[in-house]
PDB file of N, CA and C in Angstrom:
ATOM      1  N   UNK A   1       0.734  -1.143   0.022  1.00  0.00           N
ATOM      2  CA  UNK A   1       0.076  -0.057   0.043  1.00  0.00           C
ATOM      3  C   UNK A   1       0.858   1.254  -0.132  1.00  0.00           C
ATOM      4  N   UNK A   2       0.331   2.336  -0.428  1.00  0.00           N
ATOM      5  CA  UNK A   2       1.105   3.594  -0.510  1.00  0.00           C
ATOM      6  C   UNK A   2       1.290   4.275   0.838  1.00  0.00           C
ATOM      7  N   UNK A   3       2.405   4.530   1.116  1.00  0.00           N
ATOM      8  CA  UNK A   3       2.796   5.205   2.375  1.00  0.00           C
ATOM      9  C   UNK A   3       3.248   6.672   2.118  1.00  0.00           C
ATOM     10  N   UNK A   4       2.488   7.619   2.789  1.00  0.00           N
ATOM     11  CA  UNK A   4       2.831   9.073   2.495  1.00  0.00           C
ATOM     12  C   UNK A   4       4.267   9.338   3.160  1.00  0.00           C
ATOM     13  N   UNK A   5       5.048   9.947   2.445  1.00  0.00           N
ATOM     14  CA  UNK A   5       6.419  10.540   2.763  1.00  0.00           C
ATOM     15  C   UNK A   5       6.250  11.924   3.018  1.00  0.00           C
ATOM     16  N   UNK A   6       6.762  12.239   4.105  1.00  0.00           N
ATOM     17  CA  UNK A   6       6.828  13.644   4.556  1.00  0.00           C
ATOM     18  C   UNK A   6       7.713  14.391   3.713  1.00  0.00           C
ATOM     19  N   UNK A   7       7.734  15.705   3.511  1.00  0.00           N
ATOM     20  CA  UNK A   7       8.678  16.385   2.643  1.00  0.00           C
ATOM     21  C   UNK A   7      10.070  16.228   3.027  1.00  0.00           C
ATOM     22  N   UNK A   8      10.347  15.869   4.251  1.00  0.00           N
ATOM     23  CA  UNK A   8      11.770  15.819   4.615  1.00  0.00           C
ATOM     24  C   UNK A   8      12.399  14.481   3.982  1.00  0.00           C
ATOM     25  N   UNK A   9      11.529  13.613   3.669  1.00  0.00           N
ATOM     26  CA  UNK A   9      12.044  12.223   3.170  1.00  0.00           C
ATOM     27  C   UNK A   9      12.048  12.170   1.578  1.00  0.00           C
ATOM     28  N   UNK A  10      11.730  13.175   1.013  1.00  0.00           N
ATOM     29  CA  UNK A  10      11.381  13.158  -0.390  1.00  0.00           C
ATOM     30  C   UNK A  10      12.726  13.580  -1.100  1.00  0.00           C
ATOM     31  N   UNK A  11      13.619  14.337  -0.460  1.00  0.00           N
ATOM     32  CA  UNK A  11      14.788  14.795  -1.194  1.00  0.00           C
ATOM     33  C   UNK A  11      14.531  16.087  -1.992  1.00  0.00           C
ATOM     34  N   UNK A  12      13.374  16.689  -1.669  1.00  0.00           N
ATOM     35  CA  UNK A  12      13.095  17.971  -2.486  1.00  0.00           C
ATOM     36  C   UNK A  12      14.110  19.086  -2.269  1.00  0.00           C
ATOM     37  N   UNK A  13      14.555  19.192  -0.892  1.00  0.00           N
ATOM     38  CA  UNK A  13      15.559  20.278  -0.668  1.00  0.00           C
ATOM     39  C   UNK A  13      16.956  20.040  -1.442  1.00  0.00           C
ATOM     40  N   UNK A  14      17.374  18.789  -1.464  1.00  0.00           N
ATOM     41  CA  UNK A  14      18.552  18.472  -2.160  1.00  0.00           C
ATOM     42  C   UNK A  14      18.306  18.567  -3.628  1.00  0.00           C
ATOM     43  N   UNK A  15      17.150  18.345  -4.149  1.00  0.00           N
ATOM     44  CA  UNK A  15      16.848  18.620  -5.501  1.00  0.00           C
ATOM     45  C   UNK A  15      16.987  20.055  -5.910  1.00  0.00           C
ATOM     46  N   UNK A  16      16.495  20.841  -5.095  1.00  0.00           N
ATOM     47  CA  UNK A  16      16.530  22.450  -5.251  1.00  0.00           C
ATOM     48  C   UNK A  16      17.925  22.959  -5.230  1.00  0.00           C
ATOM     49  N   UNK A  17      18.636  22.488  -4.287  1.00  0.00           N
ATOM     50  CA  UNK A  17      20.039  22.881  -4.052  1.00  0.00           C
ATOM     51  C   UNK A  17      20.812  22.401  -5.182  1.00  0.00           C
ATOM     52  N   UNK A  18      20.583  21.083  -5.712  1.00  0.00           N
ATOM     53  CA  UNK A  18      21.288  20.741  -6.942  1.00  0.00           C
ATOM     54  C   UNK A  18      21.207  21.661  -8.063  1.00  0.00           C
ATOM     55  N   UNK A  19      19.983  22.123  -8.314  1.00  0.00           N
ATOM     56  CA  UNK A  19      19.673  23.020  -9.396  1.00  0.00           C
ATOM     57  C   UNK A  19      20.370  24.374  -9.160  1.00  0.00           C
ATOM     58  N   UNK A  20      20.221  24.995  -7.923  1.00  0.00           N
ATOM     59  CA  UNK A  20      20.840  26.144  -7.657  1.00  0.00           C
ATOM     60  C   UNK A  20      22.277  26.120  -7.760  1.00  0.00           C
ATOM     61  N   UNK A  21      22.942  25.116  -7.327  1.00  0.00           N
ATOM     62  CA  UNK A  21      24.360  25.031  -7.358  1.00  0.00           C
ATOM     63  C   UNK A  21      24.843  24.854  -8.837  1.00  0.00           C
ATOM     64  N   UNK A  22      23.959  24.043  -9.399  1.00  0.00           N
ATOM     65  CA  UNK A  22      24.224  23.943 -10.983  1.00  0.00           C
ATOM     66  C   UNK A  22      24.317  25.219 -11.721  1.00  0.00           C
ATOM     67  N   UNK A  23      23.196  26.050 -11.338  1.00  0.00           N
ATOM     68  CA  UNK A  23      23.311  27.369 -12.082  1.00  0.00           C
ATOM     69  C   UNK A  23      24.410  28.350 -11.671  1.00  0.00           C
ATOM     70  N   UNK A  24      24.713  28.351 -10.439  1.00  0.00           N
ATOM     71  CA  UNK A  24      25.806  29.029 -10.048  1.00  0.00           C
ATOM     72  C   UNK A  24      27.051  28.505 -10.649  1.00  0.00           C
ATOM     73  N   UNK A  25      27.228  27.366 -10.581  1.00  0.00           N
ATOM     74  CA  UNK A  25      28.506  26.720 -11.462  1.00  0.00           C
ATOM     75  C   UNK A  25      28.521  27.214 -12.738  1.00  0.00           C
ATOM     76  N   UNK A  26      27.397  27.256 -13.450  1.00  0.00           N
ATOM     77  CA  UNK A  26      27.400  27.589 -14.787  1.00  0.00           C
ATOM     78  C   UNK A  26      27.999  29.106 -15.065  1.00  0.00           C
ATOM     79  N   UNK A  27      27.355  29.846 -14.087  1.00  0.00           N
ATOM     80  CA  UNK A  27      27.803  31.351 -14.215  1.00  0.00           C
ATOM     81  C   UNK A  27      29.270  31.435 -13.802  1.00  0.00           C
ATOM     82  N   UNK A  28      29.801  30.706 -12.809  1.00  0.00           N
ATOM     83  CA  UNK A  28      31.258  30.916 -12.562  1.00  0.00           C
ATOM     84  C   UNK A  28      32.153  30.343 -13.600  1.00  0.00           C
ATOM     85  N   UNK A  29      31.611  29.127 -14.161  1.00  0.00           N
ATOM     86  CA  UNK A  29      32.398  28.515 -15.339  1.00  0.00           C
ATOM     87  C   UNK A  29      32.505  29.499 -16.603  1.00  0.00           C
ATOM     88  N   UNK A  30      31.342  30.166 -16.788  1.00  0.00           N
ATOM     89  CA  UNK A  30      31.376  31.156 -17.962  1.00  0.00           C
ATOM     90  C   UNK A  30      32.344  32.323 -17.557  1.00  0.00           C
ATOM     91  N   UNK A  31      32.340  32.796 -16.323  1.00  0.00           N
ATOM     92  CA  UNK A  31      33.205  33.764 -15.933  1.00  0.00           C
ATOM     93  C   UNK A  31      34.630  33.411 -15.863  1.00  0.00           C
ATOM     94  N   UNK A  32      34.879  32.188 -15.439  1.00  0.00           N
ATOM     95  CA  UNK A  32      36.282  31.530 -15.529  1.00  0.00           C
ATOM     96  C   UNK A  32      36.724  31.464 -16.954  1.00  0.00           C
ATOM     97  N   UNK A  33      36.061  31.070 -17.818  1.00  0.00           N
ATOM     98  CA  UNK A  33      36.384  30.978 -19.185  1.00  0.00           C
ATOM     99  C   UNK A  33      36.682  32.206 -19.822  1.00  0.00           C
ATOM    100  N   UNK A  34      35.900  33.287 -19.583  1.00  0.00           N
ATOM    101  CA  UNK A  34      36.203  34.502 -20.162  1.00  0.00           C
ATOM    102  C   UNK A  34      37.562  35.125 -19.470  1.00  0.00           C
ATOM    103  N   UNK A  35      37.543  35.079 -18.214  1.00  0.00           N
ATOM    104  CA  UNK A  35      38.725  35.726 -17.612  1.00  0.00           C
ATOM    105  C   UNK A  35      40.078  35.031 -17.857  1.00  0.00           C
ATOM    106  N   UNK A  36      39.937  33.674 -17.933  1.00  0.00           N
ATOM    107  CA  UNK A  36      41.221  32.768 -17.884  1.00  0.00           C
ATOM    108  C   UNK A  36      41.513  32.370 -19.426  1.00  0.00           C
ATOM    109  N   UNK A  37      40.608  32.220 -20.407  1.00  0.00           N
ATOM    110  CA  UNK A  37      41.029  31.745 -21.549  1.00  0.00           C
ATOM    111  C   UNK A  37      40.688  32.572 -22.806  1.00  0.00           C
ATOM    112  N   UNK A  38      39.857  33.615 -22.611  1.00  0.00           N
ATOM    113  CA  UNK A  38      39.422  34.309 -23.753  1.00  0.00           C
ATOM    114  C   UNK A  38      40.348  35.661 -23.845  1.00  0.00           C
ATOM    115  N   UNK A  39      41.017  36.091 -22.686  1.00  0.00           N
ATOM    116  CA  UNK A  39      41.884  37.203 -22.706  1.00  0.00           C
ATOM    117  C   UNK A  39      43.288  36.745 -23.113  1.00  0.00           C
ATOM    118  N   UNK A  40      43.929  37.459 -23.969  1.00  0.00           N
ATOM    119  CA  UNK A  40      45.137  36.998 -24.453  1.00  0.00           C
ATOM    120  C   UNK A  40      46.342  37.227 -23.405  1.00  0.00           C
ATOM    121  N   UNK A  41      46.060  38.174 -22.533  1.00  0.00           N
ATOM    122  CA  UNK A  41      47.116  38.563 -21.538  1.00  0.00           C
ATOM    123  C   UNK A  41      47.040  37.700 -20.094  1.00  0.00           C
ATOM    124  N   UNK A  42      46.209  36.759 -20.138  1.00  0.00           N
ATOM    125  CA  UNK A  42      45.957  35.969 -18.898  1.00  0.00           C
ATOM    126  C   UNK A  42      46.756  34.793 -19.146  1.00  0.00           C
ATOM    127  N   UNK A  43      48.067  34.703 -18.709  1.00  0.00           N
ATOM    128  CA  UNK A  43      48.952  33.665 -18.818  1.00  0.00           C
ATOM    129  C   UNK A  43      48.677  32.560 -17.842  1.00  0.00           C
ATOM    130  N   UNK A  44      49.189  31.437 -17.909  1.00  0.00           N
ATOM    131  CA  UNK A  44      48.988  30.312 -17.015  1.00  0.00           C
ATOM    132  C   UNK A  44      50.250  29.926 -16.331  1.00  0.00           C
ATOM    133  N   UNK A  45      51.156  30.877 -16.313  1.00  0.00           N
ATOM    134  CA  UNK A  45      52.505  30.510 -15.659  1.00  0.00           C
ATOM    135  C   UNK A  45      52.317  30.743 -14.159  1.00  0.00           C
ATOM    136  N   UNK A  46      53.239  30.305 -13.368  1.00  0.00           N
ATOM    137  CA  UNK A  46      53.329  30.554 -11.832  1.00  0.00           C
ATOM    138  C   UNK A  46      53.076  32.078 -11.478  1.00  0.00           C
ATOM    139  N   UNK A  47      53.927  32.818 -12.292  1.00  0.00           N
ATOM    140  CA  UNK A  47      53.963  34.338 -12.042  1.00  0.00           C
ATOM    141  C   UNK A  47      52.527  34.894 -12.316  1.00  0.00           C
ATOM    142  N   UNK A  48      51.979  34.505 -13.458  1.00  0.00           N
ATOM    143  CA  UNK A  48      50.521  34.946 -13.763  1.00  0.00           C
ATOM    144  C   UNK A  48      49.514  34.658 -12.698  1.00  0.00           C
ATOM    145  N   UNK A  49      49.609  33.467 -12.296  1.00  0.00           N
ATOM    146  CA  UNK A  49      48.670  32.914 -11.123  1.00  0.00           C
ATOM    147  C   UNK A  49      48.833  33.862  -9.964  1.00  0.00           C
ATOM    148  N   UNK A  50      50.161  33.933  -9.521  1.00  0.00           N
ATOM    149  CA  UNK A  50      50.540  34.711  -8.331  1.00  0.00           C
ATOM    150  C   UNK A  50      50.046  36.110  -8.432  1.00  0.00           C
ATOM    151  N   UNK A  51      50.205  36.758  -9.534  1.00  0.00           N
ATOM    152  CA  UNK A  51      49.837  38.117  -9.746  1.00  0.00           C
ATOM    153  C   UNK A  51      48.197  38.252  -9.595  1.00  0.00           C
ATOM    154  N   UNK A  52      47.587  37.177 -10.344  1.00  0.00           N
ATOM    155  CA  UNK A  52      46.149  37.246 -10.303  1.00  0.00           C
ATOM    156  C   UNK A  52      45.559  36.993  -8.951  1.00  0.00           C
ATOM    157  N   UNK A  53      46.224  36.111  -8.150  1.00  0.00           N
ATOM    158  CA  UNK A  53      45.746  35.787  -6.863  1.00  0.00           C
ATOM    159  C   UNK A  53      46.055  36.915  -5.825  1.00  0.00           C
ATOM    160  N   UNK A  54      46.530  38.000  -6.211  1.00  0.00           N
ATOM    161  CA  UNK A  54      46.822  39.259  -5.241  1.00  0.00           C
ATOM    162  C   UNK A  54      45.417  39.880  -4.987  1.00  0.00           C
ATOM    163  N   UNK A  55      44.432  39.633  -5.937  1.00  0.00           N
ATOM    164  CA  UNK A  55      43.066  40.174  -5.817  1.00  0.00           C
ATOM    165  C   UNK A  55      42.320  39.323  -4.970  1.00  0.00           C
ATOM    166  N   UNK A  56      41.555  39.826  -4.115  1.00  0.00           N
ATOM    167  CA  UNK A  56      40.872  38.836  -3.256  1.00  0.00           C
ATOM    168  C   UNK A  56      39.586  38.358  -4.002  1.00  0.00           C
ATOM    169  N   UNK A  57      39.071  38.980  -5.044  1.00  0.00           N
ATOM    170  CA  UNK A  57      38.034  38.465  -5.817  1.00  0.00           C
ATOM    171  C   UNK A  57      38.289  37.115  -6.443  1.00  0.00           C
ATOM    172  N   UNK A  58      39.615  36.989  -6.916  1.00  0.00           N
ATOM    173  CA  UNK A  58      39.857  35.737  -7.565  1.00  0.00           C
ATOM    174  C   UNK A  58      39.885  34.495  -6.441  1.00  0.00           C
ATOM    175  N   UNK A  59      40.431  34.855  -5.187  1.00  0.00           N
ATOM    176  CA  UNK A  59      40.286  33.886  -4.320  1.00  0.00           C
ATOM    177  C   UNK A  59      38.844  33.602  -3.844  1.00  0.00           C
ATOM    178  N   UNK A  60      37.964  34.493  -3.826  1.00  0.00           N
ATOM    179  CA  UNK A  60      36.626  34.330  -3.459  1.00  0.00           C
ATOM    180  C   UNK A  60      35.987  33.437  -4.572  1.00  0.00           C
ATOM    181  N   UNK A  61      36.204  33.698  -5.953  1.00  0.00           N
ATOM    182  CA  UNK A  61      35.689  32.941  -7.013  1.00  0.00           C
ATOM    183  C   UNK A  61      36.243  31.486  -6.897  1.00  0.00           C
ATOM    184  N   UNK A  62      37.413  31.379  -6.514  1.00  0.00           N
ATOM    185  CA  UNK A  62      37.975  29.971  -6.500  1.00  0.00           C
ATOM    186  C   UNK A  62      37.432  29.168  -5.349  1.00  0.00           C
ATOM    187  N   UNK A  63      37.155  29.804  -3.998  1.00  0.00           N
ATOM    188  CA  UNK A  63      36.659  29.174  -2.862  1.00  0.00           C
ATOM    189  C   UNK A  63      35.174  28.938  -3.248  1.00  0.00           C
ATOM    190  N   UNK A  64      34.568  29.711  -4.047  1.00  0.00           N
ATOM    191  CA  UNK A  64      32.976  29.461  -4.494  1.00  0.00           C
ATOM    192  C   UNK A  64      33.142  28.315  -5.342  1.00  0.00           C
ATOM    193  N   UNK A  65      34.002  28.305  -6.334  1.00  0.00           N
ATOM    194  CA  UNK A  65      34.059  26.948  -7.230  1.00  0.00           C
ATOM    195  C   UNK A  65      34.171  25.775  -6.383  1.00  0.00           C
ATOM    196  N   UNK A  66      35.232  25.750  -5.433  1.00  0.00           N
ATOM    197  CA  UNK A  66      35.393  24.548  -4.837  1.00  0.00           C
ATOM    198  C   UNK A  66      34.254  24.173  -3.857  1.00  0.00           C
ATOM    199  N   UNK A  67      33.666  25.118  -3.283  1.00  0.00           N
ATOM    200  CA  UNK A  67      32.499  24.736  -2.307  1.00  0.00           C
ATOM    201  C   UNK A  67      31.320  24.258  -3.141  1.00  0.00           C
ATOM    202  N   UNK A  68      31.049  25.066  -4.086  1.00  0.00           N
ATOM    203  CA  UNK A  68      29.761  24.687  -4.823  1.00  0.00           C
ATOM    204  C   UNK A  68      29.968  23.320  -5.701  1.00  0.00           C
ATOM    205  N   UNK A  69      31.109  23.232  -6.239  1.00  0.00           N
ATOM    206  CA  UNK A  69      31.476  22.159  -7.082  1.00  0.00           C
ATOM    207  C   UNK A  69      31.429  20.823  -6.371  1.00  0.00           C
ATOM    208  N   UNK A  70      32.107  20.972  -5.022  1.00  0.00           N
ATOM    209  CA  UNK A  70      32.153  19.643  -4.100  1.00  0.00           C
ATOM    210  C   UNK A  70      30.633  19.382  -3.781  1.00  0.00           C
ATOM    211  N   UNK A  71      29.886  20.365  -3.388  1.00  0.00           N
ATOM    212  CA  UNK A  71      28.475  19.974  -2.939  1.00  0.00           C
ATOM    213  C   UNK A  71      27.693  19.324  -4.022  1.00  0.00           C
ATOM    214  N   UNK A  72      27.891  20.050  -5.235  1.00  0.00           N
ATOM    215  CA  UNK A  72      27.084  19.629  -6.365  1.00  0.00           C
ATOM    216  C   UNK A  72      27.308  18.209  -6.891  1.00  0.00           C
ATOM    217  N   UNK A  73      28.645  17.899  -6.885  1.00  0.00           N
ATOM    218  CA  UNK A  73      29.242  16.597  -7.285  1.00  0.00           C
ATOM    219  C   UNK A  73      28.765  15.599  -6.259  1.00  0.00           C
ATOM    220  N   UNK A  74      29.037  15.643  -4.945  1.00  0.00           N
ATOM    221  CA  UNK A  74      28.660  14.806  -4.013  1.00  0.00           C
ATOM    222  C   UNK A  74      27.269  14.606  -3.737  1.00  0.00           C
ATOM    223  N   UNK A  75      26.480  15.667  -3.814  1.00  0.00           N
ATOM    224  CA  UNK A  75      25.087  15.591  -3.774  1.00  0.00           C
ATOM    225  C   UNK A  75      24.509  14.718  -4.966  1.00  0.00           C
ATOM    226  N   UNK A  76      25.069  14.852  -6.115  1.00  0.00           N
ATOM    227  CA  UNK A  76      24.749  14.052  -7.221  1.00  0.00           C
ATOM    228  C   UNK A  76      24.941  12.618  -7.046  1.00  0.00           C
ATOM    229  N   UNK A  77      26.196  12.334  -6.578  1.00  0.00           N
ATOM    230  CA  UNK A  77      26.489  10.922  -6.233  1.00  0.00           C
ATOM    231  C   UNK A  77      25.583  10.332  -5.146  1.00  0.00           C
ATOM    232  N   UNK A  78      25.212  11.103  -4.268  1.00  0.00           N
ATOM    233  CA  UNK A  78      24.241  10.573  -2.963  1.00  0.00           C
ATOM    234  C   UNK A  78      22.923  10.389  -3.731  1.00  0.00           C
ATOM    235  N   UNK A  79      22.539  11.193  -4.616  1.00  0.00           N
ATOM    236  CA  UNK A  79      21.175  10.997  -5.272  1.00  0.00           C
ATOM    237  C   UNK A  79      21.098   9.851  -6.126  1.00  0.00           C
ATOM    238  N   UNK A  80      22.078   9.358  -6.663  1.00  0.00           N
ATOM    239  CA  UNK A  80      22.216   8.064  -7.365  1.00  0.00           C
ATOM    240  C   UNK A  80      22.048   6.998  -6.506  1.00  0.00           C
ATOM    241  N   UNK A  81      22.755   6.893  -5.369  1.00  0.00           N
ATOM    242  CA  UNK A  81      22.607   5.882  -4.419  1.00  0.00           C
ATOM    243  C   UNK A  81      21.124   5.914  -3.807  1.00  0.00           C
ATOM    244  N   UNK A  82      20.429   7.124  -3.695  1.00  0.00           N
ATOM    245  CA  UNK A  82      19.259   7.246  -3.089  1.00  0.00           C
ATOM    246  C   UNK A  82      18.188   6.384  -3.948  1.00  0.00           C
ATOM    247  N   UNK A  83      18.476   6.218  -5.139  1.00  0.00           N
ATOM    248  CA  UNK A  83      17.583   5.531  -6.065  1.00  0.00           C
ATOM    249  C   UNK A  83      17.492   4.092  -5.713  1.00  0.00           C
ATOM    250  N   UNK A  84      18.310   3.506  -4.988  1.00  0.00           N
ATOM    251  CA  UNK A  84      18.360   2.023  -4.623  1.00  0.00           C
ATOM    252  C   UNK A  84      17.949   1.920  -3.241  1.00  0.00           C
ATOM    253  N   UNK A  85      17.357   0.750  -3.047  1.00  0.00           N
ATOM    254  CA  UNK A  85      16.879   0.313  -1.764  1.00  0.00           C
ATOM    255  C   UNK A  85      18.101  -0.155  -0.924  1.00  0.00           C
ATOM    256  N   UNK A  86      18.603   0.589   0.035  1.00  0.00           N
ATOM    257  CA  UNK A  86      19.807   0.176   0.683  1.00  0.00           C
ATOM    258  C   UNK A  86      19.595  -0.066   2.087  1.00  0.00           C
ATOM    259  N   UNK A  87      20.167  -0.872   2.875  1.00  0.00           N
ATOM    260  CA  UNK A  87      20.004  -1.083   4.214  1.00  0.00           C
ATOM    261  C   UNK A  87      20.490   0.243   4.914  1.00  0.00           C
ATOM    262  N   UNK A  88      20.010   0.442   6.157  1.00  0.00           N
ATOM    263  CA  UNK A  88      20.309   1.628   6.855  1.00  0.00           C
ATOM    264  C   UNK A  88      21.721   1.789   7.138  1.00  0.00           C
ATOM    265  N   UNK A  89      22.512   0.687   7.346  1.00  0.00           N
ATOM    266  CA  UNK A  89      23.900   0.705   7.586  1.00  0.00           C
ATOM    267  C   UNK A  89      24.694   1.185   6.223  1.00  0.00           C
ATOM    268  N   UNK A  90      24.173   0.703   5.181  1.00  0.00           N
ATOM    269  CA  UNK A  90      24.734   1.060   3.892  1.00  0.00           C
ATOM    270  C   UNK A  90      24.597   2.596   3.652  1.00  0.00           C
ATOM    271  N   UNK A  91      23.350   3.085   3.783  1.00  0.00           N
ATOM    272  CA  UNK A  91      23.215   4.416   3.656  1.00  0.00           C
ATOM    273  C   UNK A  91      24.046   5.395   4.744  1.00  0.00           C
ATOM    274  N   UNK A  92      24.178   4.942   5.811  1.00  0.00           N
ATOM    275  CA  UNK A  92      25.043   5.592   6.771  1.00  0.00           C
ATOM    276  C   UNK A  92      26.465   5.605   6.370  1.00  0.00           C
ATOM    277  N   UNK A  93      26.878   4.443   5.852  1.00  0.00           N
ATOM    278  CA  UNK A  93      28.275   4.260   5.507  1.00  0.00           C
ATOM    279  C   UNK A  93      28.597   5.126   4.188  1.00  0.00           C
ATOM    280  N   UNK A  94      27.747   5.129   3.286  1.00  0.00           N
ATOM    281  CA  UNK A  94      28.012   5.886   2.072  1.00  0.00           C
ATOM    282  C   UNK A  94      27.971   7.318   2.327  1.00  0.00           C
ATOM    283  N   UNK A  95      26.976   7.838   3.059  1.00  0.00           N
ATOM    284  CA  UNK A  95      26.790   9.352   3.312  1.00  0.00           C
ATOM    285  C   UNK A  95      27.988   9.773   4.144  1.00  0.00           C
ATOM    286  N   UNK A  96      28.488   8.834   5.058  1.00  0.00           N
ATOM    287  CA  UNK A  96      29.672   9.223   5.828  1.00  0.00           C
ATOM    288  C   UNK A  96      30.902   9.319   4.948  1.00  0.00           C
ATOM    289  N   UNK A  97      31.184   8.354   4.165  1.00  0.00           N
ATOM    290  CA  UNK A  97      32.318   8.474   3.267  1.00  0.00           C
ATOM    291  C   UNK A  97      32.212   9.681   2.357  1.00  0.00           C
ATOM    292  N   UNK A  98      31.075   9.902   1.825  1.00  0.00           N
ATOM    293  CA  UNK A  98      30.819  11.157   1.049  1.00  0.00           C
ATOM    294  C   UNK A  98      31.198  12.427   1.694  1.00  0.00           C
ATOM    295  N   UNK A  99      30.683  12.489   2.940  1.00  0.00           N
ATOM    296  CA  UNK A  99      30.877  13.748   3.644  1.00  0.00           C
ATOM    297  C   UNK A  99      32.339  13.888   4.135  1.00  0.00           C
ATOM    298  N   UNK A 100      32.948  12.867   4.502  1.00  0.00           N
ATOM    299  CA  UNK A 100      34.390  13.013   4.904  1.00  0.00           C
ATOM    300  C   UNK A 100      35.268  13.171   3.674  1.00  0.00           C
ATOM    301  N   UNK A 101      35.072  12.593   2.593  1.00  0.00           N
ATOM    302  CA  UNK A 101      35.712  12.918   1.261  1.00  0.00           C
ATOM    303  C   UNK A 101      35.555  14.336   0.881  1.00  0.00           C
ATOM    304  N   UNK A 102      34.347  14.761   0.911  1.00  0.00           N
ATOM    305  CA  UNK A 102      34.027  16.116   0.649  1.00  0.00           C
ATOM    306  C   UNK A 102      34.650  17.111   1.493  1.00  0.00           C
ATOM    307  N   UNK A 103      34.742  16.947   2.815  1.00  0.00           N
ATOM    308  CA  UNK A 103      35.325  17.872   3.769  1.00  0.00           C
ATOM    309  C   UNK A 103      36.813  17.759   3.541  1.00  0.00           C
ATOM    310  N   UNK A 104      37.355  16.528   3.386  1.00  0.00           N
ATOM    311  CA  UNK A 104      38.771  16.614   3.113  1.00  0.00           C
ATOM    312  C   UNK A 104      39.347  17.248   1.855  1.00  0.00           C
ATOM    313  N   UNK A 105      38.554  17.172   0.626  1.00  0.00           N
ATOM    314  CA  UNK A 105      39.045  17.773  -0.581  1.00  0.00           C
ATOM    315  C   UNK A 105      38.767  19.219  -0.562  1.00  0.00           C
ATOM    316  N   UNK A 106      37.613  19.592   0.188  1.00  0.00           N
ATOM    317  CA  UNK A 106      37.346  21.093   0.221  1.00  0.00           C
ATOM    318  C   UNK A 106      38.364  21.637   1.053  1.00  0.00           C
ATOM    319  N   UNK A 107      38.796  20.963   2.206  1.00  0.00           N
ATOM    320  CA  UNK A 107      39.833  21.549   3.065  1.00  0.00           C
ATOM    321  C   UNK A 107      41.221  21.670   2.202  1.00  0.00           C
ATOM    322  N   UNK A 108      41.489  20.676   1.553  1.00  0.00           N
ATOM    323  CA  UNK A 108      42.770  20.734   0.735  1.00  0.00           C
ATOM    324  C   UNK A 108      42.726  21.913  -0.239  1.00  0.00           C
ATOM    325  N   UNK A 109      41.628  22.087  -0.894  1.00  0.00           N
ATOM    326  CA  UNK A 109      41.386  23.299  -1.751  1.00  0.00           C
ATOM    327  C   UNK A 109      41.613  24.586  -1.112  1.00  0.00           C
ATOM    328  N   UNK A 110      41.023  24.688   0.076  1.00  0.00           N
ATOM    329  CA  UNK A 110      41.161  25.918   0.816  1.00  0.00           C
ATOM    330  C   UNK A 110      42.630  26.241   1.289  1.00  0.00           C
ATOM    331  N   UNK A 111      43.169  25.097   1.660  1.00  0.00           N
ATOM    332  CA  UNK A 111      44.599  25.230   2.117  1.00  0.00           C
ATOM    333  C   UNK A 111      45.477  25.651   0.876  1.00  0.00           C
ATOM    334  N   UNK A 112      45.303  25.237  -0.328  1.00  0.00           N
ATOM    335  CA  UNK A 112      46.136  25.655  -1.487  1.00  0.00           C
ATOM    336  C   UNK A 112      45.822  27.146  -1.739  1.00  0.00           C
ATOM    337  N   UNK A 113      44.576  27.533  -1.676  1.00  0.00           N
ATOM    338  CA  UNK A 113      44.153  28.856  -2.022  1.00  0.00           C
ATOM    339  C   UNK A 113      44.800  29.824  -1.047  1.00  0.00           C
ATOM    340  N   UNK A 114      44.663  29.424   0.356  1.00  0.00           N
ATOM    341  CA  UNK A 114      45.142  30.449   1.124  1.00  0.00           C
ATOM    342  C   UNK A 114      46.641  30.246   1.438  1.00  0.00           C
ATOM    343  N   UNK A 115      47.260  29.281   0.862  1.00  0.00           N
ATOM    344  CA  UNK A 115      48.780  29.421   1.009  1.00  0.00           C
ATOM    345  C   UNK A 115      49.471  30.120  -0.034  1.00  0.00           C
ATOM    346  N   UNK A 116      48.831  30.686  -1.003  1.00  0.00           N
ATOM    347  CA  UNK A 116      49.371  31.424  -2.015  1.00  0.00           C
ATOM    348  C   UNK A 116      49.537  32.866  -1.389  1.00  0.00           C
ATOM    349  N   UNK A 117      50.766  33.272  -1.306  1.00  0.00           N
ATOM    350  CA  UNK A 117      51.122  34.503  -0.542  1.00  0.00           C
ATOM    351  C   UNK A 117      50.752  35.741  -1.310  1.00  0.00           C
ATOM    352  N   UNK A 118      50.326  36.785  -0.296  1.00  0.00           N
ATOM    353  CA  UNK A 118      50.131  38.124  -0.837  1.00  0.00           C
ATOM    354  C   UNK A 118      51.323  38.818  -1.063  1.00  0.00           C
ATOM    355  N   UNK A 119      51.687  39.393  -2.027  1.00  0.00           N
ATOM    356  CA  UNK A 119      52.973  40.162  -2.268  1.00  0.00           C
ATOM    357  C   UNK A 119      52.622  41.682  -2.160  1.00  0.00           C
ATOM    358  N   UNK A 120      53.289  42.428  -1.255  1.00  0.00           N
ATOM    359  CA  UNK A 120      53.093  43.820  -1.132  1.00  0.00           C
ATOM    360  C   UNK A 120      53.706  44.552  -2.280  1.00  0.00           C
TER     361      UNK A 120
END
């Protein structure tokens, strides 16, 4: 028989956040392409990256890319697993692995961005 699922069990919030992060990543990707690949003076050498990272806006854009991309990707993987009937221990194991992996790679990205020195 049909059992009513409350809205917290349907995954509607993650569906909406998946779409919002997808749109935000699309805007960031277009901006990244224009800034990094369409301008002839934007080199890809270490010196060019170092000079570009002197502006806080580039750091904010990179942090946004990392955070939104990690959430979007891991939420998508979790939504694939949600399509299958899994035991509760499997759900907890998978979501724990995804969260720990996401936090580790996000922290790694933050460390890399914040380790680039500001030059006066």
